[in-house]
Amino acid sequence: MGSIDTYILRTTLMSFVVVLISLTGVIWITQALRGIDLMTSQGQTVLVFLGVTGLAIPLLVLIIAPIAAVIAVAHTLSKLATDSEIIVMNAAGMRPWQIFRPFLYATIVVSLGVTFISAYLAPDGLRRLKRWDTEITADILSNILQPGRFTQLDANLTVRIRERRPGGQLVGIFVDDRRDPKERISIIAQHGTVLKNDKGSFLVLEDGNLQRFEVGKRDPALVAFGRYAFDMSKYASSSNQNISYTVRERFLWELMFPPKDDPVYKKLPGQFRAELHDRLLAPIYPFVFVALTFAFLGAPRTTRQSRSFAMTSAVLAVTIVRIAGFACSVLAVSSPIAVVVQYSMLAFVAGISAWMIAGGKVIDAPVSVMEILTRWAARFNRPLATS
């Protein structure tokens, strides 16, 4: 690989990384704000919040990576055209395919990353997210104990907390336990936490007192304590419960070779088919998008020639192909023909792009369109000149 290829490859990959991180960060922040209740209502820490929301990042990268590749290629081509470097390369005898070669290398890098994410990383992140979310939200101790409410966990057990602070700390705890018919226990504690270990789940109370009313006795027994563990294992969900993964949470090889007795596959074979081909086509989309972008913007132009029409056409073409791909994916759930249509569409677009690149086709607006735009601009500027 020569110095020109290295220069274009480095510029393209750097632009791709910047665009990918920027777009992913913005979209991740908007999605993460929806999970802020993990810290406010459920008392989870910032690390848990970042961990849970961060597991969705691979799926965002999978969607954004092809678009980031298009933006990176368009930016690099615009930079080369602004500095007249494409014209110099063309004048030096470089063919369009030679100019396209470093962009192809960059696309291979992007495609390999997309393949790994779609086959393993994205479904693994969704699986971890589901297990983590189940462990956090399915536990009655995290959901039912709401501040300011008397919660009846059992027919004869009532718990109330005044507030829930960050880090899982509970403040102002009251427990009324009447499960034993021979006695009644009332507990008041200043604060406490939920502790889970191999022995079960416990509500660890600190700085409080316990009143025990026994049947047949006139006065209650009052005990002040610094630390008291109240067993609540019965009311906590088990973390070892069976979790059923959806189609999007399956690895690529599980979609290709699903077990015959899989109840999800028996119920939703169409979704398995659509998801499988989505995963297989994910590494192909970057190649199609980059080839299409280069076909519109890669031809040499002088600095006086406008690139606006070609840029707009490239964006419009990529958008149409992507929307058509989404439509085929949806239709593939009920119709296998949609899968054939999607493969044929990408092959056709790739073939047209290759033909345009090989022939060095220059995409410009038709003369009639330019004349209409010129007349409109003249009519618009005329009142401004007279005023």
Protein backbone atom coordinates (compact mmCIF):
# COMPACT_ATOMS: atom_id res chain seq x y z
CA MET A 1 0.00 0.00 0.00
CA GLY A 2 1.51 3.29 -1.15
CA SER A 3 1.72 6.59 0.63
CA ILE A 4 -1.43 7.92 -1.07
CA ASP A 5 -3.43 4.89 -0.01
CA THR A 6 -2.11 5.20 3.54
CA TYR A 7 -2.99 8.89 3.65
CA ILE A 8 -6.57 8.35 2.43
CA LEU A 9 -7.05 5.30 4.66
CA ARG A 10 -5.83 7.12 7.75
CA THR A 11 -7.99 10.16 7.05
CA THR A 12 -11.08 8.03 6.44
CA LEU A 13 -10.66 5.87 9.54
CA MET A 14 -10.00 8.88 11.77
CA SER A 15 -13.12 10.59 10.45
CA PHE A 16 -15.10 7.40 10.93
CA VAL A 17 -14.02 7.03 14.56
CA VAL A 18 -14.86 10.67 15.35
CA VAL A 19 -18.29 10.47 13.71
CA LEU A 20 -19.08 7.10 15.27
CA ILE A 21 -18.18 8.21 18.80
CA SER A 22 -20.06 11.49 18.42
CA LEU A 23 -23.28 10.01 17.06
CA THR A 24 -23.21 7.06 19.45
CA GLY A 25 -22.60 9.35 22.43
CA VAL A 26 -25.47 11.66 21.56
CA ILE A 27 -27.96 8.85 20.97
CA TRP A 28 -26.75 6.95 24.05
CA ILE A 29 -27.31 9.99 26.26
CA THR A 30 -30.88 10.39 24.99
CA GLN A 31 -31.58 6.71 25.63
CA ALA A 32 -29.79 6.64 29.00
CA LEU A 33 -31.92 9.45 30.38
CA ARG A 34 -34.90 7.10 30.21
CA GLY A 35 -33.22 4.83 32.77
CA ILE A 36 -32.49 7.57 35.30
CA ASP A 37 -35.18 6.06 37.52
CA LEU A 38 -32.69 3.33 38.42
CA MET A 39 -31.00 5.83 40.72
CA THR A 40 -34.03 7.85 41.80
CA SER A 41 -36.77 5.34 42.48
CA GLN A 42 -34.82 2.11 42.95
CA GLY A 43 -31.81 3.49 44.80
CA GLN A 44 -29.14 2.08 42.49
CA THR A 45 -25.64 3.52 42.27
CA VAL A 46 -24.19 5.53 39.39
CA LEU A 47 -22.02 2.57 38.40
CA VAL A 48 -25.08 0.34 38.08
CA PHE A 49 -26.82 3.03 36.02
CA LEU A 50 -23.84 3.40 33.67
CA GLY A 51 -23.41 -0.35 33.44
CA VAL A 52 -27.02 -1.06 32.56
CA THR A 53 -27.35 1.71 30.01
CA GLY A 54 -23.88 1.05 28.56
CA LEU A 55 -24.80 -2.50 27.57
CA ALA A 56 -26.97 -1.10 24.77
CA ILE A 57 -24.01 0.70 23.15
CA PRO A 58 -22.99 -2.22 20.85
CA LEU A 59 -26.49 -2.27 19.37
CA LEU A 60 -26.28 1.48 18.73
CA VAL A 61 -22.87 1.08 17.10
CA LEU A 62 -24.27 -1.67 14.87
CA ILE A 63 -26.91 0.72 13.53
CA ILE A 64 -24.74 3.83 13.34
CA ALA A 65 -21.52 2.32 11.89
CA PRO A 66 -22.68 2.18 8.22
CA ILE A 67 -23.96 5.76 8.40
CA ALA A 68 -20.72 6.88 10.06
CA ALA A 69 -18.78 5.21 7.23
CA VAL A 70 -20.80 7.19 4.65
CA ILE A 71 -20.15 10.46 6.47
CA ALA A 72 -16.43 9.66 6.80
CA VAL A 73 -16.06 8.85 3.09
CA ALA A 74 -18.02 11.96 2.07
CA HIS A 75 -15.88 14.12 4.35
CA THR A 76 -12.64 12.64 3.01
CA LEU A 77 -13.71 13.05 -0.61
CA SER A 78 -14.78 16.65 0.04
CA LYS A 79 -11.40 17.36 1.63
CA LEU A 80 -9.55 15.82 -1.31
CA ALA A 81 -11.69 17.79 -3.78
CA THR A 82 -11.28 21.09 -1.89
CA ASP A 83 -7.49 20.68 -1.93
CA SER A 84 -7.64 19.63 -5.62
CA GLU A 85 -5.93 16.36 -4.70
CA ILE A 86 -8.38 14.19 -6.65
CA ILE A 87 -7.72 16.25 -9.77
CA VAL A 88 -3.98 15.82 -9.31
CA MET A 89 -4.39 12.05 -8.82
CA ASN A 90 -6.51 11.84 -11.96
CA ALA A 91 -4.01 13.94 -13.93
CA ALA A 92 -1.21 11.67 -12.73
CA GLY A 93 -2.94 8.70 -14.35
CA MET A 94 -4.65 7.11 -11.33
CA ARG A 95 -7.79 5.27 -12.31
CA PRO A 96 -11.01 5.59 -10.29
CA TRP A 97 -10.55 2.09 -8.87
CA GLN A 98 -7.11 3.02 -7.61
CA ILE A 99 -8.55 6.04 -5.79
CA PHE A 100 -11.36 3.89 -4.43
CA ARG A 101 -8.98 1.20 -3.11
CA PRO A 102 -8.09 2.85 0.25
CA PHE A 103 -11.78 3.52 0.88
CA LEU A 104 -12.37 -0.19 0.27
CA TYR A 105 -9.70 -1.05 2.86
CA ALA A 106 -11.39 1.22 5.37
CA THR A 107 -14.74 -0.39 4.63
CA ILE A 108 -13.26 -3.84 5.26
CA VAL A 109 -12.19 -2.69 8.73
CA VAL A 110 -15.68 -1.32 9.42
CA SER A 111 -17.32 -4.46 8.08
CA LEU A 112 -15.22 -6.75 10.27
CA GLY A 113 -16.21 -4.72 13.33
CA VAL A 114 -19.87 -4.83 12.33
CA THR A 115 -19.65 -8.60 11.83
CA PHE A 116 -18.27 -9.18 15.32
CA ILE A 117 -20.84 -6.86 16.90
CA SER A 118 -23.83 -8.35 15.07
CA ALA A 119 -22.80 -11.97 15.60
CA TYR A 120 -21.76 -11.82 19.26
CA LEU A 121 -21.25 -8.48 21.00
CA ALA A 122 -24.70 -6.91 20.49
CA PRO A 123 -26.74 -10.00 21.51
CA ASP A 124 -24.36 -10.62 24.42
CA GLY A 125 -24.92 -7.06 25.63
CA LEU A 126 -28.68 -7.46 25.32
CA ARG A 127 -28.50 -10.72 27.28
CA ARG A 128 -26.48 -9.14 30.05
CA LEU A 129 -28.88 -6.19 30.07
CA LYS A 130 -31.86 -8.49 30.41
CA ARG A 131 -30.29 -10.49 33.24
CA TRP A 132 -29.22 -7.33 35.02
CA ASP A 133 -32.57 -5.65 34.53
CA THR A 134 -34.37 -8.76 35.76
CA GLU A 135 -32.20 -8.89 38.84
CA ILE A 136 -32.84 -5.22 39.59
CA THR A 137 -36.49 -4.77 38.68
CA ALA A 138 -37.97 -8.19 39.43
CA ASP A 139 -36.95 -8.08 43.10
CA ILE A 140 -39.89 -7.09 45.25
CA LEU A 141 -37.55 -5.40 47.71
CA SER A 142 -36.49 -2.93 45.02
CA ASN A 143 -39.91 -2.27 43.52
CA ILE A 144 -42.58 -2.71 46.16
CA LEU A 145 -40.91 -0.77 48.96
CA GLN A 146 -41.86 2.72 47.84
CA PRO A 147 -41.12 5.80 50.01
CA GLY A 148 -44.03 7.09 52.05
CA ARG A 149 -46.26 4.04 51.54
CA PHE A 150 -47.28 1.22 53.87
CA THR A 151 -46.49 -1.93 51.91
CA GLN A 152 -48.14 -5.18 52.92
CA LEU A 153 -45.73 -7.92 51.91
CA ASP A 154 -47.78 -10.61 53.59
CA ALA A 155 -51.13 -10.89 55.29
CA ASN A 156 -49.47 -10.06 58.62
CA LEU A 157 -46.32 -8.17 57.57
CA THR A 158 -46.26 -4.44 56.82
CA VAL A 159 -43.20 -2.35 55.95
CA ARG A 160 -42.84 1.41 55.43
CA ILE A 161 -39.83 3.55 54.49
CA ARG A 162 -39.66 7.34 54.58
CA GLU A 163 -37.19 7.81 51.73
CA ARG A 164 -34.69 6.02 49.54
CA ARG A 165 -31.25 7.55 49.07
CA PRO A 166 -28.55 6.90 46.46
CA GLY A 167 -26.52 3.78 47.09
CA GLY A 168 -29.57 1.76 48.16
CA GLN A 169 -29.81 3.30 51.65
CA LEU A 170 -33.29 3.29 53.21
CA VAL A 171 -34.22 5.97 55.75
CA GLY A 172 -37.03 5.95 58.36
CA ILE A 173 -37.97 2.26 58.40
CA PHE A 174 -41.00 0.82 60.15
CA VAL A 175 -41.78 -2.92 60.29
CA ASP A 176 -44.94 -4.46 61.77
CA ASP A 177 -44.61 -8.26 61.99
CA ARG A 178 -47.62 -10.31 63.12
CA ARG A 179 -46.83 -13.57 61.36
CA ASP A 180 -46.35 -15.42 64.64
CA PRO A 181 -49.74 -15.71 66.39
CA LYS A 182 -48.00 -15.83 69.78
CA GLU A 183 -46.27 -12.47 69.42
CA ARG A 184 -46.23 -9.18 67.55
CA ILE A 185 -43.02 -7.37 66.69
CA SER A 186 -42.75 -3.67 65.81
CA ILE A 187 -39.41 -2.34 64.61
CA ILE A 188 -38.39 1.27 64.05
CA ALA A 189 -34.95 2.06 62.60
CA GLN A 190 -33.31 5.24 61.43
CA HIS A 191 -31.81 3.69 58.32
CA GLY A 192 -30.92 0.39 56.70
CA THR A 193 -29.94 -1.44 53.52
CA VAL A 194 -30.89 -4.59 51.63
CA LEU A 195 -28.19 -7.25 51.84
CA LYS A 196 -28.12 -10.28 49.53
CA ASN A 197 -25.79 -13.24 49.96
CA ASP A 198 -25.80 -17.01 49.65
CA LYS A 199 -28.00 -17.34 52.74
CA GLY A 200 -30.77 -15.13 51.40
CA SER A 201 -31.97 -11.54 51.37
CA PHE A 202 -31.98 -9.48 54.55
CA LEU A 203 -33.15 -6.01 55.51
CA VAL A 204 -30.26 -4.83 57.65
CA LEU A 205 -31.59 -2.22 60.11
CA GLU A 206 -29.35 0.20 62.01
CA ASP A 207 -29.89 2.50 65.01
CA GLY A 208 -33.39 1.52 66.08
CA ASN A 209 -35.52 -0.29 68.62
CA LEU A 210 -37.65 -3.40 68.66
CA GLN A 211 -40.89 -3.91 70.59
CA ARG A 212 -42.09 -7.46 71.18
CA PHE A 213 -45.69 -7.99 72.38
CA GLU A 214 -46.13 -11.56 73.62
CA VAL A 215 -49.52 -13.19 74.27
CA GLY A 216 -50.33 -13.36 77.99
CA LYS A 217 -47.91 -10.60 78.99
CA ARG A 218 -49.02 -7.12 79.92
CA ASP A 219 -45.92 -5.08 79.08
CA PRO A 220 -43.94 -5.32 75.85
CA ALA A 221 -40.24 -6.12 75.71
CA LEU A 222 -38.25 -3.18 74.38
CA VAL A 223 -34.81 -3.74 72.85
CA ALA A 224 -32.55 -1.04 71.40
CA PHE A 225 -30.13 -2.22 68.72
CA GLY A 226 -27.31 -0.83 66.67
CA ARG A 227 -27.65 -3.39 63.89
CA TYR A 228 -30.40 -5.92 63.24
CA ALA A 229 -30.92 -8.25 60.26
CA PHE A 230 -34.53 -8.91 59.28
CA ASP A 231 -34.91 -11.98 57.05
CA MET A 232 -36.84 -11.18 53.84
CA SER A 233 -35.65 -14.00 51.59
CA LYS A 234 -39.23 -15.09 51.02
CA TYR A 235 -40.04 -11.79 49.34
CA ALA A 236 -36.96 -11.50 47.11
CA SER A 237 -36.89 -13.00 43.66
CA SER A 238 -34.35 -15.64 42.83
CA SER A 239 -31.51 -14.61 40.53
CA ASN A 240 -31.29 -18.17 39.22
CA GLN A 241 -34.65 -18.09 37.52
CA ASN A 242 -34.87 -19.22 33.92
CA ILE A 243 -34.67 -16.35 31.46
CA SER A 244 -36.11 -16.72 27.97
CA TYR A 245 -34.16 -14.76 25.37
CA THR A 246 -35.89 -13.05 22.48
CA VAL A 247 -34.85 -13.36 18.84
CA ARG A 248 -32.66 -10.23 18.95
CA GLU A 249 -30.86 -11.63 21.99
CA ARG A 250 -29.74 -14.79 20.18
CA PHE A 251 -26.22 -15.23 18.85
CA LEU A 252 -25.73 -15.64 15.11
CA TRP A 253 -25.08 -19.38 15.31
CA GLU A 254 -28.23 -19.82 17.39
CA LEU A 255 -30.22 -18.16 14.63
CA MET A 256 -28.59 -20.32 11.97
CA PHE A 257 -29.04 -23.60 13.84
CA PRO A 258 -31.90 -23.19 16.35
CA PRO A 259 -32.85 -26.24 18.45
CA LYS A 260 -35.86 -28.04 17.08
CA ASP A 261 -37.55 -28.01 20.47
CA ASP A 262 -37.01 -24.26 21.00
CA PRO A 263 -40.46 -22.86 21.93
CA VAL A 264 -39.57 -19.37 20.67
CA TYR A 265 -38.49 -20.76 17.29
CA LYS A 266 -41.65 -22.84 17.00
CA LYS A 267 -43.76 -19.79 17.74
CA LEU A 268 -41.84 -17.18 15.69
CA PRO A 269 -40.01 -18.85 12.78
CA GLY A 270 -40.50 -15.77 10.61
CA GLN A 271 -38.74 -13.51 13.10
CA PHE A 272 -35.82 -15.95 13.23
CA ARG A 273 -35.55 -15.79 9.44
CA ALA A 274 -35.72 -11.99 9.31
CA GLU A 275 -33.21 -11.54 12.14
CA LEU A 276 -30.79 -14.06 10.63
CA HIS A 277 -30.65 -12.31 7.29
CA ASP A 278 -30.39 -8.92 9.00
CA ARG A 279 -27.26 -10.18 10.76
CA LEU A 280 -25.85 -11.63 7.53
CA LEU A 281 -26.49 -8.41 5.61
CA ALA A 282 -25.12 -6.11 8.33
CA PRO A 283 -21.47 -6.40 7.10
CA ILE A 284 -22.60 -5.88 3.47
CA TYR A 285 -24.33 -2.55 3.99
CA PRO A 286 -21.07 -0.62 4.63
CA PHE A 287 -19.68 -1.82 1.29
CA VAL A 288 -22.85 -0.83 -0.58
CA PHE A 289 -23.09 2.56 1.13
CA VAL A 290 -19.42 3.43 0.61
CA ALA A 291 -19.49 2.35 -3.04
CA LEU A 292 -22.65 4.38 -3.61
CA THR A 293 -21.14 7.45 -1.93
CA PHE A 294 -17.92 7.21 -3.92
CA ALA A 295 -19.89 6.75 -7.16
CA PHE A 296 -21.57 10.12 -6.60
CA LEU A 297 -18.66 12.06 -5.08
CA GLY A 298 -15.49 10.33 -6.25
CA ALA A 299 -15.30 11.74 -9.78
CA PRO A 300 -12.75 14.58 -10.20
CA ARG A 301 -14.20 18.10 -10.34
CA THR A 302 -12.68 21.53 -10.48
CA THR A 303 -13.14 23.88 -7.54
CA ARG A 304 -15.61 25.90 -9.64
CA GLN A 305 -17.91 22.92 -10.13
CA SER A 306 -20.57 22.57 -7.49
CA ARG A 307 -20.73 19.32 -5.53
CA SER A 308 -24.03 20.12 -3.82
CA PHE A 309 -26.20 18.17 -6.25
CA ALA A 310 -23.93 15.11 -6.07
CA MET A 311 -23.80 15.28 -2.26
CA THR A 312 -27.58 15.59 -2.02
CA SER A 313 -28.05 12.72 -4.47
CA ALA A 314 -25.67 10.50 -2.50
CA VAL A 315 -27.47 11.15 0.79
CA LEU A 316 -30.84 10.56 -0.84
CA ALA A 317 -29.69 7.31 -2.49
CA VAL A 318 -28.22 5.93 0.77
CA THR A 319 -31.41 6.88 2.63
CA ILE A 320 -33.62 5.15 0.07
CA VAL A 321 -31.53 1.97 0.17
CA ARG A 322 -31.55 1.89 3.97
CA ILE A 323 -35.32 2.48 4.21
CA ALA A 324 -35.93 -0.19 1.58
CA GLY A 325 -33.74 -2.55 3.61
CA PHE A 326 -35.77 -1.90 6.75
CA ALA A 327 -38.99 -2.49 4.82
CA CYS A 328 -37.70 -5.80 3.47
CA SER A 329 -36.66 -6.86 6.97
CA VAL A 330 -40.16 -6.21 8.25
CA LEU A 331 -41.79 -8.04 5.34
CA ALA A 332 -39.35 -10.96 5.70
CA VAL A 333 -41.14 -11.97 8.90
CA SER A 334 -44.16 -13.08 6.89
CA SER A 335 -42.72 -13.52 3.39
CA PRO A 336 -39.43 -15.25 2.42
CA ILE A 337 -39.56 -13.44 -0.93
CA ALA A 338 -38.67 -10.19 0.85
CA VAL A 339 -35.28 -11.70 1.73
CA VAL A 340 -34.58 -12.38 -1.95
CA VAL A 341 -35.67 -8.85 -2.82
CA GLN A 342 -33.29 -7.39 -0.22
CA TYR A 343 -30.29 -9.36 -1.50
CA SER A 344 -31.16 -8.50 -5.09
CA MET A 345 -31.54 -4.82 -4.26
CA LEU A 346 -28.10 -4.63 -2.61
CA ALA A 347 -26.51 -6.55 -5.48
CA PHE A 348 -28.12 -4.21 -8.02
CA VAL A 349 -27.03 -1.07 -6.15
CA ALA A 350 -23.50 -2.43 -5.76
CA GLY A 351 -23.36 -3.28 -9.48
CA ILE A 352 -24.59 0.18 -10.54
CA SER A 353 -22.07 1.81 -8.17
CA ALA A 354 -19.22 -0.30 -9.56
CA TRP A 355 -20.22 0.65 -13.13
CA MET A 356 -20.30 4.35 -12.22
CA ILE A 357 -16.91 4.15 -10.47
CA ALA A 358 -15.25 2.24 -13.33
CA GLY A 359 -16.59 4.68 -15.91
CA GLY A 360 -15.73 7.77 -13.89
CA LYS A 361 -19.29 9.08 -14.20
CA VAL A 362 -19.78 12.65 -13.03
CA ILE A 363 -23.14 13.28 -11.35
CA ASP A 364 -24.36 16.78 -12.10
CA ALA A 365 -27.79 18.33 -12.22
CA PRO A 366 -29.47 18.30 -15.65
CA VAL A 367 -29.16 21.50 -17.65
CA SER A 368 -32.93 22.09 -17.60
CA VAL A 369 -32.97 21.84 -13.80
CA MET A 370 -30.06 24.26 -13.51
CA GLU A 371 -31.83 26.73 -15.82
CA ILE A 372 -34.98 26.59 -13.67
CA LEU A 373 -32.94 27.11 -10.49
CA THR A 374 -31.11 30.02 -12.12
CA ARG A 375 -34.37 31.72 -13.13
CA TRP A 376 -35.79 31.29 -9.64
CA ALA A 377 -32.65 32.75 -8.13
CA ALA A 378 -32.83 35.71 -10.53
CA ARG A 379 -36.48 36.38 -9.64
CA PHE A 380 -35.66 36.15 -5.96
CA ASN A 381 -32.70 38.54 -6.20
CA ARG A 382 -34.50 41.12 -8.41
CA PRO A 383 -36.78 42.59 -5.68
CA LEU A 384 -33.82 42.74 -3.32
CA ALA A 385 -31.79 44.69 -5.87
CA THR A 386 -34.58 47.21 -6.55
CA SER A 387 -35.20 47.79 -2.84
